[in-house]
Amino acid sequence: MRGAKGSLLERPNASRVLEEIRKAGRAASAQLGPGQRMQMAFAISMDALRLCRAGLNTQGFSESQVCAIMDEKGR
């Protein structure tokens, strides 16, 4: 079902540069085996957790508050 033009559900057209970047990324990951993809996904998720913790620390939360927030997000 397509919404009216200008609807929030309609996606804008991606730029050609962005499409080329995406194609290059897909081609590179297509050569990897399933185990290597899982390792990459795990590494990315760990980096995201570290960034989230660093952001909370930067905002002035104590380490115990950061742990509580991160535990709550995991649930």
PDB file of N, CA and C in Angstrom:
ATOM      1  N   MET A   1       0.843  -1.171   0.000  1.00  0.00           N
ATOM      2  CA  MET A   1       0.000   0.000   0.000  1.00  0.00           C
ATOM      3  C   MET A   1       0.891   1.238   0.000  1.00  0.00           C
ATOM      4  N   ARG A   2       0.705   2.113  -0.938  1.00  0.00           N
ATOM      5  CA  ARG A   2       1.493   3.328  -1.033  1.00  0.00           C
ATOM      6  C   ARG A   2       0.678   4.489  -0.501  1.00  0.00           C
ATOM      7  N   GLY A   3       1.339   5.311   0.293  1.00  0.00           N
ATOM      8  CA  GLY A   3       0.670   6.491   0.813  1.00  0.00           C
ATOM      9  C   GLY A   3       0.680   7.613  -0.202  1.00  0.00           C
ATOM     10  N   ALA A   4       0.079   8.707   0.150  1.00  0.00           N
ATOM     11  CA  ALA A   4       0.063   9.879  -0.718  1.00  0.00           C
ATOM     12  C   ALA A   4       1.467  10.448  -0.845  1.00  0.00           C
ATOM     13  N   LYS A   5       1.720  11.162  -1.917  1.00  0.00           N
ATOM     14  CA  LYS A   5       3.040  11.744  -2.126  1.00  0.00           C
ATOM     15  C   LYS A   5       3.361  12.679  -0.962  1.00  0.00           C
ATOM     16  N   GLY A   6       4.587  12.575  -0.439  1.00  0.00           N
ATOM     17  CA  GLY A   6       4.968  13.390   0.698  1.00  0.00           C
ATOM     18  C   GLY A   6       4.645  12.725   2.030  1.00  0.00           C
ATOM     19  N   SER A   7       4.148  11.524   1.979  1.00  0.00           N
ATOM     20  CA  SER A   7       3.810  10.800   3.189  1.00  0.00           C
ATOM     21  C   SER A   7       5.078  10.408   3.934  1.00  0.00           C
ATOM     22  N   LEU A   8       4.982  10.278   5.239  1.00  0.00           N
ATOM     23  CA  LEU A   8       6.130   9.871   6.043  1.00  0.00           C
ATOM     24  C   LEU A   8       6.556   8.441   5.750  1.00  0.00           C
ATOM     25  N   LEU A   9       5.639   7.636   5.207  1.00  0.00           N
ATOM     26  CA  LEU A   9       5.955   6.243   4.932  1.00  0.00           C
ATOM     27  C   LEU A   9       6.757   6.072   3.651  1.00  0.00           C
ATOM     28  N   GLU A  10       6.744   7.060   2.799  1.00  0.00           N
ATOM     29  CA  GLU A  10       7.442   6.972   1.525  1.00  0.00           C
ATOM     30  C   GLU A  10       8.918   7.301   1.720  1.00  0.00           C
ATOM     31  N   ARG A  11       9.794   6.463   1.195  1.00  0.00           N
ATOM     32  CA  ARG A  11      11.227   6.700   1.325  1.00  0.00           C
ATOM     33  C   ARG A  11      11.725   7.583   0.191  1.00  0.00           C
ATOM     34  N   PRO A  12      12.646   8.486   0.500  1.00  0.00           N
ATOM     35  CA  PRO A  12      13.224   9.297  -0.576  1.00  0.00           C
ATOM     36  C   PRO A  12      14.175   8.453  -1.420  1.00  0.00           C
ATOM     37  N   ASN A  13      14.428   8.887  -2.631  1.00  0.00           N
ATOM     38  CA  ASN A  13      15.375   8.189  -3.491  1.00  0.00           C
ATOM     39  C   ASN A  13      16.787   8.396  -2.956  1.00  0.00           C
ATOM     40  N   ALA A  14      17.544   7.316  -2.911  1.00  0.00           N
ATOM     41  CA  ALA A  14      18.924   7.405  -2.432  1.00  0.00           C
ATOM     42  C   ALA A  14      19.800   8.024  -3.517  1.00  0.00           C
ATOM     43  N   SER A  15      20.847   8.700  -3.099  1.00  0.00           N
ATOM     44  CA  SER A  15      21.749   9.308  -4.071  1.00  0.00           C
ATOM     45  C   SER A  15      22.589   8.228  -4.745  1.00  0.00           C
ATOM     46  N   ARG A  16      23.122   8.548  -5.915  1.00  0.00           N
ATOM     47  CA  ARG A  16      23.956   7.582  -6.632  1.00  0.00           C
ATOM     48  C   ARG A  16      25.223   7.261  -5.862  1.00  0.00           C
ATOM     49  N   VAL A  17      25.781   8.254  -5.191  1.00  0.00           N
ATOM     50  CA  VAL A  17      27.003   8.036  -4.418  1.00  0.00           C
ATOM     51  C   VAL A  17      26.734   7.048  -3.287  1.00  0.00           C
ATOM     52  N   LEU A  18      25.633   7.238  -2.585  1.00  0.00           N
ATOM     53  CA  LEU A  18      25.271   6.335  -1.504  1.00  0.00           C
ATOM     54  C   LEU A  18      25.035   4.925  -2.017  1.00  0.00           C
ATOM     55  N   GLU A  19      24.390   4.807  -3.154  1.00  0.00           N
ATOM     56  CA  GLU A  19      24.158   3.487  -3.743  1.00  0.00           C
ATOM     57  C   GLU A  19      25.467   2.792  -4.090  1.00  0.00           C
ATOM     58  N   GLU A  20      26.432   3.528  -4.624  1.00  0.00           N
ATOM     59  CA  GLU A  20      27.738   2.944  -4.957  1.00  0.00           C
ATOM     60  C   GLU A  20      28.470   2.480  -3.708  1.00  0.00           C
ATOM     61  N   ILE A  21      28.381   3.246  -2.644  1.00  0.00           N
ATOM     62  CA  ILE A  21      29.014   2.855  -1.382  1.00  0.00           C
ATOM     63  C   ILE A  21      28.370   1.575  -0.855  1.00  0.00           C
ATOM     64  N   ARG A  22      27.054   1.503  -0.921  1.00  0.00           N
ATOM     65  CA  ARG A  22      26.353   0.312  -0.455  1.00  0.00           C
ATOM     66  C   ARG A  22      26.712  -0.912  -1.283  1.00  0.00           C
ATOM     67  N   LYS A  23      26.806  -0.747  -2.613  1.00  0.00           N
ATOM     68  CA  LYS A  23      27.178  -1.870  -3.474  1.00  0.00           C
ATOM     69  C   LYS A  23      28.559  -2.390  -3.129  1.00  0.00           C
ATOM     70  N   ALA A  24      29.503  -1.475  -2.895  1.00  0.00           N
ATOM     71  CA  ALA A  24      30.871  -1.885  -2.549  1.00  0.00           C
ATOM     72  C   ALA A  24      30.885  -2.645  -1.225  1.00  0.00           C
ATOM     73  N   GLY A  25      30.110  -2.184  -0.260  1.00  0.00           N
ATOM     74  CA  GLY A  25      30.037  -2.869   1.032  1.00  0.00           C
ATOM     75  C   GLY A  25      29.419  -4.255   0.921  1.00  0.00           C
ATOM     76  N   ARG A  26      28.373  -4.361   0.119  1.00  0.00           N
ATOM     77  CA  ARG A  26      27.730  -5.672  -0.077  1.00  0.00           C
ATOM     78  C   ARG A  26      28.655  -6.643  -0.789  1.00  0.00           C
ATOM     79  N   ALA A  27      29.392  -6.145  -1.784  1.00  0.00           N
ATOM     80  CA  ALA A  27      30.318  -7.007  -2.522  1.00  0.00           C
ATOM     81  C   ALA A  27      31.428  -7.509  -1.610  1.00  0.00           C
ATOM     82  N   ALA A  28      31.913  -6.642  -0.722  1.00  0.00           N
ATOM     83  CA  ALA A  28      32.980  -7.050   0.193  1.00  0.00           C
ATOM     84  C   ALA A  28      32.475  -8.082   1.200  1.00  0.00           C
ATOM     85  N   SER A  29      31.272  -7.890   1.723  1.00  0.00           N
ATOM     86  CA  SER A  29      30.754  -8.825   2.721  1.00  0.00           C
ATOM     87  C   SER A  29      30.278 -10.128   2.092  1.00  0.00           C
ATOM     88  N   ALA A  30      29.975 -10.121   0.796  1.00  0.00           N
ATOM     89  CA  ALA A  30      29.534 -11.344   0.129  1.00  0.00           C
ATOM     90  C   ALA A  30      30.655 -12.374   0.049  1.00  0.00           C
ATOM     91  N   GLN A  31      31.894 -11.931   0.106  1.00  0.00           N
ATOM     92  CA  GLN A  31      33.033 -12.835   0.019  1.00  0.00           C
ATOM     93  C   GLN A  31      33.363 -13.480   1.358  1.00  0.00           C
ATOM     94  N   LEU A  32      32.778 -12.993   2.424  1.00  0.00           N
ATOM     95  CA  LEU A  32      33.059 -13.525   3.753  1.00  0.00           C
ATOM     96  C   LEU A  32      32.195 -14.746   4.035  1.00  0.00           C
ATOM     97  N   GLY A  33      32.733 -15.625   4.851  1.00  0.00           N
ATOM     98  CA  GLY A  33      31.969 -16.787   5.272  1.00  0.00           C
ATOM     99  C   GLY A  33      31.022 -16.426   6.402  1.00  0.00           C
ATOM    100  N   PRO A  34      30.098 -17.325   6.733  1.00  0.00           N
ATOM    101  CA  PRO A  34      29.137 -17.039   7.806  1.00  0.00           C
ATOM    102  C   PRO A  34      29.804 -16.766   9.156  1.00  0.00           C
ATOM    103  N   GLY A  35      30.876 -17.500   9.451  1.00  0.00           N
ATOM    104  CA  GLY A  35      31.567 -17.286  10.722  1.00  0.00           C
ATOM    105  C   GLY A  35      32.212 -15.914  10.795  1.00  0.00           C
ATOM    106  N   GLN A  36      32.782 -15.483   9.686  1.00  0.00           N
ATOM    107  CA  GLN A  36      33.401 -14.164   9.653  1.00  0.00           C
ATOM    108  C   GLN A  36      32.360 -13.058   9.771  1.00  0.00           C
ATOM    109  N   ARG A  37      31.196 -13.265   9.165  1.00  0.00           N
ATOM    110  CA  ARG A  37      30.113 -12.281   9.290  1.00  0.00           C
ATOM    111  C   ARG A  37      29.648 -12.183  10.732  1.00  0.00           C
ATOM    112  N   MET A  38      29.544 -13.321  11.400  1.00  0.00           N
ATOM    113  CA  MET A  38      29.134 -13.306  12.804  1.00  0.00           C
ATOM    114  C   MET A  38      30.162 -12.588  13.663  1.00  0.00           C
ATOM    115  N   GLN A  39      31.444 -12.803  13.386  1.00  0.00           N
ATOM    116  CA  GLN A  39      32.495 -12.101  14.128  1.00  0.00           C
ATOM    117  C   GLN A  39      32.398 -10.599  13.911  1.00  0.00           C
ATOM    118  N   MET A  40      32.161 -10.183  12.666  1.00  0.00           N
ATOM    119  CA  MET A  40      32.025  -8.763  12.384  1.00  0.00           C
ATOM    120  C   MET A  40      30.806  -8.174  13.093  1.00  0.00           C
ATOM    121  N   ALA A  41      29.701  -8.885  13.076  1.00  0.00           N
ATOM    122  CA  ALA A  41      28.488  -8.407  13.734  1.00  0.00           C
ATOM    123  C   ALA A  41      28.707  -8.280  15.239  1.00  0.00           C
ATOM    124  N   PHE A  42      29.410  -9.245  15.821  1.00  0.00           N
ATOM    125  CA  PHE A  42      29.685  -9.192  17.253  1.00  0.00           C
ATOM    126  C   PHE A  42      30.585  -8.004  17.576  1.00  0.00           C
ATOM    127  N   ALA A  43      31.617  -7.792  16.761  1.00  0.00           N
ATOM    128  CA  ALA A  43      32.530  -6.672  16.988  1.00  0.00           C
ATOM    129  C   ALA A  43      31.791  -5.334  16.886  1.00  0.00           C
ATOM    130  N   ILE A  44      30.891  -5.223  15.911  1.00  0.00           N
ATOM    131  CA  ILE A  44      30.117  -3.992  15.760  1.00  0.00           C
ATOM    132  C   ILE A  44      29.211  -3.774  16.965  1.00  0.00           C
ATOM    133  N   SER A  45      28.575  -4.837  17.450  1.00  0.00           N
ATOM    134  CA  SER A  45      27.683  -4.686  18.606  1.00  0.00           C
ATOM    135  C   SER A  45      28.458  -4.302  19.863  1.00  0.00           C
ATOM    136  N   MET A  46      29.668  -4.843  20.016  1.00  0.00           N
ATOM    137  CA  MET A  46      30.493  -4.474  21.175  1.00  0.00           C
ATOM    138  C   MET A  46      30.930  -3.011  21.081  1.00  0.00           C
ATOM    139  N   ASP A  47      31.269  -2.565  19.872  1.00  0.00           N
ATOM    140  CA  ASP A  47      31.632  -1.161  19.677  1.00  0.00           C
ATOM    141  C   ASP A  47      30.452  -0.248  20.002  1.00  0.00           C
ATOM    142  N   ALA A  48      29.259  -0.657  19.603  1.00  0.00           N
ATOM    143  CA  ALA A  48      28.062   0.142  19.888  1.00  0.00           C
ATOM    144  C   ALA A  48      27.821   0.236  21.394  1.00  0.00           C
ATOM    145  N   LEU A  49      28.018  -0.863  22.110  1.00  0.00           N
ATOM    146  CA  LEU A  49      27.856  -0.830  23.570  1.00  0.00           C
ATOM    147  C   LEU A  49      28.883   0.094  24.215  1.00  0.00           C
ATOM    148  N   ARG A  50      30.130   0.027  23.751  1.00  0.00           N
ATOM    149  CA  ARG A  50      31.174   0.907  24.297  1.00  0.00           C
ATOM    150  C   ARG A  50      30.840   2.380  24.040  1.00  0.00           C
ATOM    151  N   LEU A  51      30.359   2.673  22.846  1.00  0.00           N
ATOM    152  CA  LEU A  51      29.987   4.051  22.529  1.00  0.00           C
ATOM    153  C   LEU A  51      28.826   4.531  23.386  1.00  0.00           C
ATOM    154  N   CYS A  52      27.868   3.659  23.612  1.00  0.00           N
ATOM    155  CA  CYS A  52      26.725   4.009  24.452  1.00  0.00           C
ATOM    156  C   CYS A  52      27.182   4.301  25.886  1.00  0.00           C
ATOM    157  N   ARG A  53      28.041   3.450  26.409  1.00  0.00           N
ATOM    158  CA  ARG A  53      28.568   3.651  27.767  1.00  0.00           C
ATOM    159  C   ARG A  53      29.368   4.948  27.845  1.00  0.00           C
ATOM    160  N   ALA A  54      30.196   5.204  26.834  1.00  0.00           N
ATOM    161  CA  ALA A  54      30.995   6.426  26.819  1.00  0.00           C
ATOM    162  C   ALA A  54      30.101   7.654  26.763  1.00  0.00           C
ATOM    163  N   GLY A  55      29.028   7.578  25.983  1.00  0.00           N
ATOM    164  CA  GLY A  55      28.092   8.694  25.903  1.00  0.00           C
ATOM    165  C   GLY A  55      27.417   8.966  27.235  1.00  0.00           C
ATOM    166  N   LEU A  56      27.027   7.912  27.935  1.00  0.00           N
ATOM    167  CA  LEU A  56      26.400   8.089  29.246  1.00  0.00           C
ATOM    168  C   LEU A  56      27.392   8.657  30.249  1.00  0.00           C
ATOM    169  N   ASN A  57      28.632   8.174  30.208  1.00  0.00           N
ATOM    170  CA  ASN A  57      29.660   8.720  31.097  1.00  0.00           C
ATOM    171  C   ASN A  57      29.899  10.197  30.808  1.00  0.00           C
ATOM    172  N   THR A  58      29.922  10.561  29.546  1.00  0.00           N
ATOM    173  CA  THR A  58      30.139  11.948  29.143  1.00  0.00           C
ATOM    174  C   THR A  58      28.999  12.844  29.622  1.00  0.00           C
ATOM    175  N   GLN A  59      27.803  12.295  29.683  1.00  0.00           N
ATOM    176  CA  GLN A  59      26.658  13.072  30.151  1.00  0.00           C
ATOM    177  C   GLN A  59      26.662  13.242  31.662  1.00  0.00           C
ATOM    178  N   GLY A  60      27.601  12.592  32.344  1.00  0.00           N
ATOM    179  CA  GLY A  60      27.738  12.791  33.777  1.00  0.00           C
ATOM    180  C   GLY A  60      27.128  11.711  34.652  1.00  0.00           C
ATOM    181  N   PHE A  61      26.683  10.614  34.065  1.00  0.00           N
ATOM    182  CA  PHE A  61      26.141   9.519  34.868  1.00  0.00           C
ATOM    183  C   PHE A  61      27.282   8.796  35.573  1.00  0.00           C
ATOM    184  N   SER A  62      27.016   8.352  36.799  1.00  0.00           N
ATOM    185  CA  SER A  62      28.018   7.569  37.519  1.00  0.00           C
ATOM    186  C   SER A  62      28.083   6.166  36.924  1.00  0.00           C
ATOM    187  N   GLU A  63      29.129   5.433  37.278  1.00  0.00           N
ATOM    188  CA  GLU A  63      29.299   4.089  36.725  1.00  0.00           C
ATOM    189  C   GLU A  63      28.144   3.168  37.131  1.00  0.00           C
ATOM    190  N   SER A  64      27.641   3.320  38.361  1.00  0.00           N
ATOM    191  CA  SER A  64      26.510   2.490  38.794  1.00  0.00           C
ATOM    192  C   SER A  64      25.237   2.848  38.021  1.00  0.00           C
ATOM    193  N   GLN A  65      25.049   4.133  37.719  1.00  0.00           N
ATOM    194  CA  GLN A  65      23.891   4.535  36.932  1.00  0.00           C
ATOM    195  C   GLN A  65      24.004   4.021  35.498  1.00  0.00           C
ATOM    196  N   VAL A  66      25.222   4.076  34.944  1.00  0.00           N
ATOM    197  CA  VAL A  66      25.450   3.575  33.594  1.00  0.00           C
ATOM    198  C   VAL A  66      25.131   2.088  33.535  1.00  0.00           C
ATOM    199  N   CYS A  67      25.587   1.341  34.518  1.00  0.00           N
ATOM    200  CA  CYS A  67      25.311  -0.105  34.562  1.00  0.00           C
ATOM    201  C   CYS A  67      23.811  -0.367  34.642  1.00  0.00           C
ATOM    202  N   ALA A  68      23.107   0.406  35.457  1.00  0.00           N
ATOM    203  CA  ALA A  68      21.660   0.224  35.593  1.00  0.00           C
ATOM    204  C   ALA A  68      20.946   0.539  34.272  1.00  0.00           C
ATOM    205  N   ILE A  69      21.360   1.597  33.598  1.00  0.00           N
ATOM    206  CA  ILE A  69      20.750   1.965  32.324  1.00  0.00           C
ATOM    207  C   ILE A  69      21.023   0.892  31.277  1.00  0.00           C
ATOM    208  N   MET A  70      22.252   0.416  31.216  1.00  0.00           N
ATOM    209  CA  MET A  70      22.602  -0.607  30.235  1.00  0.00           C
ATOM    210  C   MET A  70      21.872  -1.918  30.516  1.00  0.00           C
ATOM    211  N   ASP A  71      21.722  -2.265  31.793  1.00  0.00           N
ATOM    212  CA  ASP A  71      20.964  -3.475  32.139  1.00  0.00           C
ATOM    213  C   ASP A  71      19.509  -3.332  31.718  1.00  0.00           C
ATOM    214  N   GLU A  72      18.959  -2.142  31.905  1.00  0.00           N
ATOM    215  CA  GLU A  72      17.558  -1.914  31.539  1.00  0.00           C
ATOM    216  C   GLU A  72      17.355  -1.984  30.024  1.00  0.00           C
ATOM    217  N   LYS A  73      18.334  -1.492  29.256  1.00  0.00           N
ATOM    218  CA  LYS A  73      18.243  -1.559  27.796  1.00  0.00           C
ATOM    219  C   LYS A  73      18.307  -2.994  27.296  1.00  0.00           C
ATOM    220  N   GLY A  74      19.014  -3.841  28.003  1.00  0.00           N
ATOM    221  CA  GLY A  74      19.177  -5.240  27.578  1.00  0.00           C
ATOM    222  C   GLY A  74      17.937  -6.078  27.773  1.00  0.00           C
ATOM    223  N   ARG A  75      17.009  -5.598  28.536  1.00  0.00           N
ATOM    224  CA  ARG A  75      15.811  -6.385  28.835  1.00  0.00           C
ATOM    225  C   ARG A  75      14.757  -6.203  27.843  1.00  0.00           C
TER     226      ARG A  75
END
